[in-house]
Amino acid sequence: MIGALISVVLTLIIAGVIIWALQALLPLVPLPAPFHTVINVLITVIVVLVVVYVIAGLFGVVTPIGRL
């Protein structure tokens, strides 16, 4: 159980660094404002889905992607 909690914390730290880096680099790309908003939302949704999938796998939840 302690190992799973440590893995969850490390997963959240790594995901946080990735989302921070992507959102820090996004203003360097010259796009109109609506596209920046859409890309920020997509980045956040994708990172949240990946984190939930990883955490679910750590706690033994069978996910549909895991059965492929």
PDB file of N, CA and C in Angstrom:
ATOM      1  N   MET A   1       0.820  -1.189   0.000  1.00  0.00           N
ATOM      2  CA  MET A   1       0.000   0.000   0.000  1.00  0.00           C
ATOM      3  C   MET A   1       0.866   1.255   0.000  1.00  0.00           C
ATOM      4  N   ILE A   2       1.941   1.233   0.761  1.00  0.00           N
ATOM      5  CA  ILE A   2       2.842   2.387   0.800  1.00  0.00           C
ATOM      6  C   ILE A   2       3.477   2.586  -0.582  1.00  0.00           C
ATOM      7  N   GLY A   3       3.830   1.486  -1.236  1.00  0.00           N
ATOM      8  CA  GLY A   3       4.419   1.582  -2.575  1.00  0.00           C
ATOM      9  C   GLY A   3       3.458   2.203  -3.570  1.00  0.00           C
ATOM     10  N   ALA A   4       2.181   1.860  -3.462  1.00  0.00           N
ATOM     11  CA  ALA A   4       1.175   2.440  -4.355  1.00  0.00           C
ATOM     12  C   ALA A   4       1.023   3.935  -4.098  1.00  0.00           C
ATOM     13  N   LEU A   5       1.049   4.334  -2.841  1.00  0.00           N
ATOM     14  CA  LEU A   5       0.930   5.765  -2.521  1.00  0.00           C
ATOM     15  C   LEU A   5       2.134   6.549  -3.028  1.00  0.00           C
ATOM     16  N   ILE A   6       3.313   5.971  -2.900  1.00  0.00           N
ATOM     17  CA  ILE A   6       4.514   6.632  -3.424  1.00  0.00           C
ATOM     18  C   ILE A   6       4.427   6.742  -4.939  1.00  0.00           C
ATOM     19  N   SER A   7       3.935   5.699  -5.589  1.00  0.00           N
ATOM     20  CA  SER A   7       3.776   5.741  -7.043  1.00  0.00           C
ATOM     21  C   SER A   7       2.763   6.796  -7.462  1.00  0.00           C
ATOM     22  N   VAL A   8       1.693   6.943  -6.702  1.00  0.00           N
ATOM     23  CA  VAL A   8       0.690   7.971  -7.010  1.00  0.00           C
ATOM     24  C   VAL A   8       1.300   9.360  -6.886  1.00  0.00           C
ATOM     25  N   VAL A   9       2.054   9.586  -5.828  1.00  0.00           N
ATOM     26  CA  VAL A   9       2.688  10.896  -5.629  1.00  0.00           C
ATOM     27  C   VAL A   9       3.669  11.183  -6.761  1.00  0.00           C
ATOM     28  N   LEU A  10       4.478  10.202  -7.131  1.00  0.00           N
ATOM     29  CA  LEU A  10       5.427  10.405  -8.232  1.00  0.00           C
ATOM     30  C   LEU A  10       4.703  10.648  -9.552  1.00  0.00           C
ATOM     31  N   THR A  11       3.605   9.935  -9.787  1.00  0.00           N
ATOM     32  CA  THR A  11       2.820  10.143 -11.001  1.00  0.00           C
ATOM     33  C   THR A  11       2.268  11.559 -11.054  1.00  0.00           C
ATOM     34  N   LEU A  12       1.757  12.042  -9.933  1.00  0.00           N
ATOM     35  CA  LEU A  12       1.218  13.395  -9.901  1.00  0.00           C
ATOM     36  C   LEU A  12       2.307  14.446 -10.091  1.00  0.00           C
ATOM     37  N   ILE A  13       3.485  14.218  -9.536  1.00  0.00           N
ATOM     38  CA  ILE A  13       4.589  15.163  -9.722  1.00  0.00           C
ATOM     39  C   ILE A  13       5.020  15.198 -11.180  1.00  0.00           C
ATOM     40  N   ILE A  14       5.171  14.043 -11.790  1.00  0.00           N
ATOM     41  CA  ILE A  14       5.585  13.986 -13.198  1.00  0.00           C
ATOM     42  C   ILE A  14       4.528  14.622 -14.090  1.00  0.00           C
ATOM     43  N   ALA A  15       3.259  14.316 -13.836  1.00  0.00           N
ATOM     44  CA  ALA A  15       2.181  14.915 -14.637  1.00  0.00           C
ATOM     45  C   ALA A  15       2.145  16.427 -14.456  1.00  0.00           C
ATOM     46  N   GLY A  16       2.383  16.890 -13.246  1.00  0.00           N
ATOM     47  CA  GLY A  16       2.412  18.329 -12.994  1.00  0.00           C
ATOM     48  C   GLY A  16       3.534  19.031 -13.737  1.00  0.00           C
ATOM     49  N   VAL A  17       4.695  18.420 -13.760  1.00  0.00           N
ATOM     50  CA  VAL A  17       5.827  19.012 -14.484  1.00  0.00           C
ATOM     51  C   VAL A  17       5.547  19.033 -15.989  1.00  0.00           C
ATOM     52  N   ILE A  18       4.956  17.959 -16.502  1.00  0.00           N
ATOM     53  CA  ILE A  18       4.646  17.908 -17.936  1.00  0.00           C
ATOM     54  C   ILE A  18       3.618  18.963 -18.309  1.00  0.00           C
ATOM     55  N   ILE A  19       2.539  19.082 -17.520  1.00  0.00           N
ATOM     56  CA  ILE A  19       1.513  20.065 -17.839  1.00  0.00           C
ATOM     57  C   ILE A  19       2.057  21.490 -17.684  1.00  0.00           C
ATOM     58  N   TRP A  20       2.911  21.713 -16.692  1.00  0.00           N
ATOM     59  CA  TRP A  20       3.517  23.036 -16.530  1.00  0.00           C
ATOM     60  C   TRP A  20       4.395  23.380 -17.732  1.00  0.00           C
ATOM     61  N   ALA A  21       5.207  22.429 -18.190  1.00  0.00           N
ATOM     62  CA  ALA A  21       6.097  22.682 -19.321  1.00  0.00           C
ATOM     63  C   ALA A  21       5.297  22.954 -20.594  1.00  0.00           C
ATOM     64  N   LEU A  22       4.264  22.160 -20.829  1.00  0.00           N
ATOM     65  CA  LEU A  22       3.459  22.375 -22.033  1.00  0.00           C
ATOM     66  C   LEU A  22       2.756  23.725 -21.997  1.00  0.00           C
ATOM     67  N   GLN A  23       2.220  24.102 -20.847  1.00  0.00           N
ATOM     68  CA  GLN A  23       1.533  25.382 -20.765  1.00  0.00           C
ATOM     69  C   GLN A  23       2.502  26.558 -20.743  1.00  0.00           C
ATOM     70  N   ALA A  24       3.744  26.341 -20.346  1.00  0.00           N
ATOM     71  CA  ALA A  24       4.747  27.403 -20.393  1.00  0.00           C
ATOM     72  C   ALA A  24       5.251  27.612 -21.819  1.00  0.00           C
ATOM     73  N   LEU A  25       5.301  26.526 -22.610  1.00  0.00           N
ATOM     74  CA  LEU A  25       5.780  26.640 -23.982  1.00  0.00           C
ATOM     75  C   LEU A  25       4.686  27.055 -24.962  1.00  0.00           C
ATOM     76  N   LEU A  26       3.432  26.897 -24.590  1.00  0.00           N
ATOM     77  CA  LEU A  26       2.334  27.213 -25.490  1.00  0.00           C
ATOM     78  C   LEU A  26       2.311  28.672 -25.945  1.00  0.00           C
ATOM     79  N   PRO A  27       2.588  29.660 -25.092  1.00  0.00           N
ATOM     80  CA  PRO A  27       2.582  31.049 -25.578  1.00  0.00           C
ATOM     81  C   PRO A  27       3.660  31.345 -26.626  1.00  0.00           C
ATOM     82  N   LEU A  28       4.639  30.471 -26.762  1.00  0.00           N
ATOM     83  CA  LEU A  28       5.683  30.691 -27.772  1.00  0.00           C
ATOM     84  C   LEU A  28       5.204  30.378 -29.180  1.00  0.00           C
ATOM     85  N   VAL A  29       4.087  29.657 -29.287  1.00  0.00           N
ATOM     86  CA  VAL A  29       3.517  29.316 -30.589  1.00  0.00           C
ATOM     87  C   VAL A  29       2.523  30.412 -30.968  1.00  0.00           C
ATOM     88  N   PRO A  30       2.731  31.067 -32.117  1.00  0.00           N
ATOM     89  CA  PRO A  30       1.832  32.169 -32.496  1.00  0.00           C
ATOM     90  C   PRO A  30       0.489  31.664 -33.034  1.00  0.00           C
ATOM     91  N   LEU A  31      -0.492  31.588 -32.149  1.00  0.00           N
ATOM     92  CA  LEU A  31      -1.841  31.183 -32.523  1.00  0.00           C
ATOM     93  C   LEU A  31      -2.840  32.202 -31.986  1.00  0.00           C
ATOM     94  N   PRO A  32      -4.009  32.297 -32.608  1.00  0.00           N
ATOM     95  CA  PRO A  32      -5.054  33.172 -32.059  1.00  0.00           C
ATOM     96  C   PRO A  32      -5.505  32.694 -30.680  1.00  0.00           C
ATOM     97  N   ALA A  33      -6.097  33.592 -29.925  1.00  0.00           N
ATOM     98  CA  ALA A  33      -6.487  33.304 -28.540  1.00  0.00           C
ATOM     99  C   ALA A  33      -7.418  32.100 -28.398  1.00  0.00           C
ATOM    100  N   PRO A  34      -8.435  31.931 -29.258  1.00  0.00           N
ATOM    101  CA  PRO A  34      -9.318  30.765 -29.053  1.00  0.00           C
ATOM    102  C   PRO A  34      -8.572  29.433 -29.167  1.00  0.00           C
ATOM    103  N   PHE A  35      -7.591  29.361 -30.041  1.00  0.00           N
ATOM    104  CA  PHE A  35      -6.837  28.124 -30.189  1.00  0.00           C
ATOM    105  C   PHE A  35      -6.001  27.835 -28.950  1.00  0.00           C
ATOM    106  N   HIS A  36      -5.462  28.872 -28.329  1.00  0.00           N
ATOM    107  CA  HIS A  36      -4.705  28.678 -27.092  1.00  0.00           C
ATOM    108  C   HIS A  36      -5.603  28.100 -25.994  1.00  0.00           C
ATOM    109  N   THR A  37      -6.817  28.620 -25.923  1.00  0.00           N
ATOM    110  CA  THR A  37      -7.752  28.122 -24.915  1.00  0.00           C
ATOM    111  C   THR A  37      -8.111  26.664 -25.173  1.00  0.00           C
ATOM    112  N   VAL A  38      -8.390  26.339 -26.420  1.00  0.00           N
ATOM    113  CA  VAL A  38      -8.735  24.963 -26.770  1.00  0.00           C
ATOM    114  C   VAL A  38      -7.567  24.025 -26.479  1.00  0.00           C
ATOM    115  N   ILE A  39      -6.360  24.426 -26.820  1.00  0.00           N
ATOM    116  CA  ILE A  39      -5.193  23.589 -26.585  1.00  0.00           C
ATOM    117  C   ILE A  39      -4.948  23.415 -25.081  1.00  0.00           C
ATOM    118  N   ASN A  40      -5.130  24.480 -24.295  1.00  0.00           N
ATOM    119  CA  ASN A  40      -4.980  24.354 -22.834  1.00  0.00           C
ATOM    120  C   ASN A  40      -5.976  23.358 -22.258  1.00  0.00           C
ATOM    121  N   VAL A  41      -7.216  23.418 -22.729  1.00  0.00           N
ATOM    122  CA  VAL A  41      -8.237  22.492 -22.243  1.00  0.00           C
ATOM    123  C   VAL A  41      -7.889  21.061 -22.652  1.00  0.00           C
ATOM    124  N   LEU A  42      -7.455  20.865 -23.888  1.00  0.00           N
ATOM    125  CA  LEU A  42      -7.086  19.525 -24.357  1.00  0.00           C
ATOM    126  C   LEU A  42      -5.915  18.959 -23.563  1.00  0.00           C
ATOM    127  N   ILE A  43      -4.918  19.781 -23.299  1.00  0.00           N
ATOM    128  CA  ILE A  43      -3.758  19.336 -22.514  1.00  0.00           C
ATOM    129  C   ILE A  43      -4.213  18.902 -21.133  1.00  0.00           C
ATOM    130  N   THR A  44      -5.053  19.705 -20.499  1.00  0.00           N
ATOM    131  CA  THR A  44      -5.522  19.383 -19.153  1.00  0.00           C
ATOM    132  C   THR A  44      -6.340  18.093 -19.148  1.00  0.00           C
ATOM    133  N   VAL A  45      -7.250  17.945 -20.099  1.00  0.00           N
ATOM    134  CA  VAL A  45      -8.091  16.748 -20.156  1.00  0.00           C
ATOM    135  C   VAL A  45      -7.253  15.496 -20.396  1.00  0.00           C
ATOM    136  N   ILE A  46      -6.295  15.569 -21.309  1.00  0.00           N
ATOM    137  CA  ILE A  46      -5.447  14.412 -21.609  1.00  0.00           C
ATOM    138  C   ILE A  46      -4.609  14.023 -20.393  1.00  0.00           C
ATOM    139  N   VAL A  47      -4.024  15.007 -19.721  1.00  0.00           N
ATOM    140  CA  VAL A  47      -3.201  14.700 -18.543  1.00  0.00           C
ATOM    141  C   VAL A  47      -4.058  14.104 -17.425  1.00  0.00           C
ATOM    142  N   VAL A  48      -5.252  14.633 -17.221  1.00  0.00           N
ATOM    143  CA  VAL A  48      -6.133  14.086 -16.182  1.00  0.00           C
ATOM    144  C   VAL A  48      -6.524  12.646 -16.508  1.00  0.00           C
ATOM    145  N   LEU A  49      -6.853  12.364 -17.767  1.00  0.00           N
ATOM    146  CA  LEU A  49      -7.205  11.000 -18.155  1.00  0.00           C
ATOM    147  C   LEU A  49      -6.039  10.036 -17.952  1.00  0.00           C
ATOM    148  N   VAL A  50      -4.840  10.455 -18.311  1.00  0.00           N
ATOM    149  CA  VAL A  50      -3.666   9.604 -18.133  1.00  0.00           C
ATOM    150  C   VAL A  50      -3.398   9.354 -16.653  1.00  0.00           C
ATOM    151  N   VAL A  51      -3.506  10.391 -15.834  1.00  0.00           N
ATOM    152  CA  VAL A  51      -3.262  10.230 -14.399  1.00  0.00           C
ATOM    153  C   VAL A  51      -4.303   9.297 -13.774  1.00  0.00           C
ATOM    154  N   VAL A  52      -5.569   9.465 -14.133  1.00  0.00           N
ATOM    155  CA  VAL A  52      -6.614   8.584 -13.595  1.00  0.00           C
ATOM    156  C   VAL A  52      -6.373   7.147 -14.036  1.00  0.00           C
ATOM    157  N   TYR A  53      -5.975   6.957 -15.284  1.00  0.00           N
ATOM    158  CA  TYR A  53      -5.697   5.609 -15.792  1.00  0.00           C
ATOM    159  C   TYR A  53      -4.533   4.963 -15.038  1.00  0.00           C
ATOM    160  N   VAL A  54      -3.467   5.725 -14.818  1.00  0.00           N
ATOM    161  CA  VAL A  54      -2.296   5.187 -14.109  1.00  0.00           C
ATOM    162  C   VAL A  54      -2.646   4.871 -12.661  1.00  0.00           C
ATOM    163  N   ILE A  55      -3.345   5.775 -11.996  1.00  0.00           N
ATOM    164  CA  ILE A  55      -3.710   5.541 -10.599  1.00  0.00           C
ATOM    165  C   ILE A  55      -4.659   4.352 -10.486  1.00  0.00           C
ATOM    166  N   ALA A  56      -5.608   4.233 -11.411  1.00  0.00           N
ATOM    167  CA  ALA A  56      -6.525   3.091 -11.384  1.00  0.00           C
ATOM    168  C   ALA A  56      -5.749   1.786 -11.564  1.00  0.00           C
ATOM    169  N   GLY A  57      -4.771   1.788 -12.448  1.00  0.00           N
ATOM    170  CA  GLY A  57      -3.953   0.596 -12.647  1.00  0.00           C
ATOM    171  C   GLY A  57      -3.138   0.233 -11.423  1.00  0.00           C
ATOM    172  N   LEU A  58      -2.666   1.241 -10.692  1.00  0.00           N
ATOM    173  CA  LEU A  58      -1.887   0.978  -9.483  1.00  0.00           C
ATOM    174  C   LEU A  58      -2.735   0.333  -8.384  1.00  0.00           C
ATOM    175  N   PHE A  59      -4.008   0.678  -8.347  1.00  0.00           N
ATOM    176  CA  PHE A  59      -4.884   0.135  -7.315  1.00  0.00           C
ATOM    177  C   PHE A  59      -5.638  -1.098  -7.775  1.00  0.00           C
ATOM    178  N   GLY A  60      -5.303  -1.620  -8.941  1.00  0.00           N
ATOM    179  CA  GLY A  60      -5.858  -2.890  -9.385  1.00  0.00           C
ATOM    180  C   GLY A  60      -7.191  -2.817 -10.087  1.00  0.00           C
ATOM    181  N   VAL A  61      -7.617  -1.641 -10.487  1.00  0.00           N
ATOM    182  CA  VAL A  61      -8.878  -1.508 -11.212  1.00  0.00           C
ATOM    183  C   VAL A  61      -8.645  -1.928 -12.657  1.00  0.00           C
ATOM    184  N   VAL A  62      -9.522  -2.777 -13.175  1.00  0.00           N
ATOM    185  CA  VAL A  62      -9.399  -3.230 -14.557  1.00  0.00           C
ATOM    186  C   VAL A  62      -9.975  -2.141 -15.453  1.00  0.00           C
ATOM    187  N   THR A  63      -9.154  -1.643 -16.355  1.00  0.00           N
ATOM    188  CA  THR A  63      -9.605  -0.602 -17.273  1.00  0.00           C
ATOM    189  C   THR A  63      -9.806  -1.184 -18.664  1.00  0.00           C
ATOM    190  N   PRO A  64     -10.694  -0.576 -19.460  1.00  0.00           N
ATOM    191  CA  PRO A  64     -10.956  -1.110 -20.791  1.00  0.00           C
ATOM    192  C   PRO A  64      -9.690  -1.139 -21.672  1.00  0.00           C
ATOM    193  N   ILE A  65      -8.829  -0.156 -21.520  1.00  0.00           N
ATOM    194  CA  ILE A  65      -7.617  -0.116 -22.339  1.00  0.00           C
ATOM    195  C   ILE A  65      -6.661  -1.217 -21.927  1.00  0.00           C
ATOM    196  N   GLY A  66      -6.678  -1.606 -20.659  1.00  0.00           N
ATOM    197  CA  GLY A  66      -5.801  -2.649 -20.166  1.00  0.00           C
ATOM    198  C   GLY A  66      -6.125  -4.022 -20.724  1.00  0.00           C
ATOM    199  N   ARG A  67      -7.320  -4.197 -21.254  1.00  0.00           N
ATOM    200  CA  ARG A  67      -7.711  -5.501 -21.788  1.00  0.00           C
ATOM    201  C   ARG A  67      -7.409  -5.641 -23.271  1.00  0.00           C
ATOM    202  N   LEU A  68      -6.866  -4.625 -23.898  1.00  0.00           N
ATOM    203  CA  LEU A  68      -6.559  -4.711 -25.335  1.00  0.00           C
ATOM    204  C   LEU A  68      -5.397  -5.620 -25.622  1.00  0.00           C
TER     205      LEU A  68
END
